[in-house]
């Protein structure tokens, strides 16, 4: 029973962080615009990642198959971490590394959710 609540906590944390950051992306906050301008994906990359984060958040919170949202979230946030480590740096516009820490938090939450559902993933079969 405690595991169920822990997994729901992880789902909520990941979804809330992604929903918060997509809000910043859609409204074009300076930090968000700076990030996507630096990696050469402004504005289309900002909107695309925002839409994908919205979909991931909805799927993570869906009662039946949160694994799909966790997989999508893991994919999206891996890109964010990659760009932090290669082009952006840990600190963005004097944020003290907050955005990087939030990305790592989402990554860990989604990774635990995926690992918890590994049996479900292994049972998945592609149909011709």
Protein backbone atom coordinates (compact mmCIF):
# COMPACT_ATOMS: atom_id res chain seq x y z
CA UNK A 1 0.00 0.00 0.00
CA UNK A 2 2.85 2.43 0.78
CA UNK A 3 4.41 1.70 -2.62
CA UNK A 4 1.19 2.78 -4.32
CA UNK A 5 1.26 6.15 -2.54
CA UNK A 6 4.97 6.59 -3.24
CA UNK A 7 4.40 5.96 -6.96
CA UNK A 8 1.51 8.45 -6.97
CA UNK A 9 3.77 10.98 -5.27
CA UNK A 10 6.36 10.49 -8.02
CA UNK A 11 3.68 10.88 -10.69
CA UNK A 12 2.47 14.12 -9.12
CA UNK A 13 5.96 15.56 -8.73
CA UNK A 14 6.91 14.83 -12.34
CA UNK A 15 3.59 16.12 -13.71
CA UNK A 16 3.56 19.31 -11.63
CA UNK A 17 7.12 20.23 -12.62
CA UNK A 18 6.43 19.59 -16.32
CA UNK A 19 3.15 21.52 -16.18
CA UNK A 20 4.89 24.44 -14.48
CA UNK A 21 7.66 24.60 -17.07
CA UNK A 22 5.31 24.25 -20.03
CA UNK A 23 3.41 27.26 -18.68
CA UNK A 24 6.68 29.22 -18.82
CA UNK A 25 7.35 27.94 -22.35
CA UNK A 26 3.94 28.82 -23.74
CA UNK A 27 4.08 32.32 -22.28
CA UNK A 28 7.62 32.90 -23.56
CA UNK A 29 9.29 33.70 -20.24
CA UNK A 30 12.82 35.09 -20.73
CA UNK A 31 14.56 31.99 -19.30
CA UNK A 32 12.63 29.71 -21.62
CA UNK A 33 13.24 31.86 -24.68
CA UNK A 34 16.94 32.12 -23.77
CA UNK A 35 17.28 28.33 -23.47
CA UNK A 36 15.70 27.59 -26.83
CA UNK A 37 17.49 30.45 -28.54
CA UNK A 38 20.82 29.14 -27.23
CA UNK A 39 20.19 25.64 -28.60
CA UNK A 40 18.85 27.02 -31.90
CA UNK A 41 15.25 25.87 -31.48
CA UNK A 42 13.38 29.10 -30.69
CA UNK A 43 10.36 29.31 -30.91
CA UNK A 44 9.26 26.01 -32.48
CA UNK A 45 11.28 23.83 -30.08
CA UNK A 46 9.84 25.66 -27.10
CA UNK A 47 6.27 25.06 -28.26
CA UNK A 48 6.93 21.46 -29.28
CA UNK A 49 8.53 20.55 -25.98
CA UNK A 50 5.68 22.31 -24.16
CA UNK A 51 3.07 20.27 -26.02
CA UNK A 52 5.00 17.04 -25.38
CA UNK A 53 5.30 17.90 -21.68
CA UNK A 54 1.56 18.52 -21.54
CA UNK A 55 0.87 15.12 -23.11
CA UNK A 56 3.36 13.42 -20.79
CA UNK A 57 1.80 15.07 -17.74
CA UNK A 58 -1.70 14.00 -18.73
CA UNK A 59 -0.55 10.44 -19.38
CA UNK A 60 1.38 10.24 -16.11
CA UNK A 61 -1.73 11.29 -14.21
CA UNK A 62 -4.03 8.95 -16.18
CA UNK A 63 -5.14 6.11 -13.89
CA UNK A 64 -4.64 3.18 -16.28
CA UNK A 65 -1.28 3.54 -18.04
CA UNK A 66 1.02 6.12 -16.46
CA UNK A 67 3.97 4.23 -17.95
CA UNK A 68 3.43 5.95 -21.31
CA UNK A 69 3.65 9.37 -19.71
CA UNK A 70 6.72 8.33 -17.73
CA UNK A 71 8.44 7.07 -20.89
CA UNK A 72 7.62 10.26 -22.77
CA UNK A 73 8.70 12.36 -19.79
CA UNK A 74 11.97 10.43 -19.57
CA UNK A 75 12.60 11.04 -23.28
CA UNK A 76 11.83 14.78 -23.07
CA UNK A 77 13.79 15.42 -19.91
CA UNK A 78 16.79 13.47 -21.18
CA UNK A 79 17.02 16.05 -23.96
CA UNK A 80 16.84 18.87 -21.44
CA UNK A 81 19.61 17.32 -19.33
CA UNK A 82 21.71 16.73 -22.45
CA UNK A 83 21.49 20.39 -23.45
CA UNK A 84 22.22 21.54 -19.90
CA UNK A 85 25.39 19.45 -19.90
CA UNK A 86 26.54 20.37 -23.42
CA UNK A 87 25.39 23.87 -24.42
CA UNK A 88 23.55 25.60 -21.61
CA UNK A 89 25.43 24.81 -18.43
CA UNK A 90 23.95 23.99 -15.06
CA UNK A 91 22.98 27.57 -14.22
CA UNK A 92 20.62 29.49 -16.50
CA UNK A 93 20.38 33.26 -16.13
CA UNK A 94 21.52 33.20 -12.48
CA UNK A 95 18.91 30.62 -11.38
CA UNK A 96 21.41 28.81 -9.18
CA UNK A 97 20.87 25.59 -11.13
CA UNK A 98 17.15 25.40 -10.32
CA UNK A 99 16.03 24.40 -13.81
CA UNK A 100 18.72 21.71 -13.98
CA UNK A 101 17.69 20.41 -10.54
CA UNK A 102 14.03 20.29 -11.66
CA UNK A 103 15.05 18.38 -14.79
CA UNK A 104 16.97 15.86 -12.69
CA UNK A 105 13.98 15.51 -10.37
CA UNK A 106 11.64 14.73 -13.28
CA UNK A 107 14.22 12.32 -14.70
CA UNK A 108 14.50 10.38 -11.43
CA UNK A 109 10.72 10.29 -10.92
CA UNK A 110 10.07 9.06 -14.46
CA UNK A 111 12.92 6.55 -14.29
CA UNK A 112 11.56 5.00 -11.09
CA UNK A 113 8.08 4.83 -12.62
CA UNK A 114 9.48 3.13 -15.73
CA UNK A 115 11.54 0.67 -13.73
CA UNK A 116 8.52 -0.15 -11.58
CA UNK A 117 6.58 -1.01 -14.75
CA UNK A 118 9.30 -3.03 -16.46
CA UNK A 119 7.12 -6.15 -16.55
CA UNK A 120 4.44 -4.21 -18.41
CA UNK A 121 7.05 -2.96 -20.88
CA UNK A 122 8.49 -6.45 -21.42
CA UNK A 123 5.00 -7.85 -22.14
CA UNK A 124 4.38 -5.25 -24.85
CA UNK A 125 4.25 -6.85 -28.26
CA UNK A 126 4.28 -5.18 -31.63
CA UNK A 127 1.56 -6.40 -33.93
CA UNK A 128 2.29 -6.63 -37.65
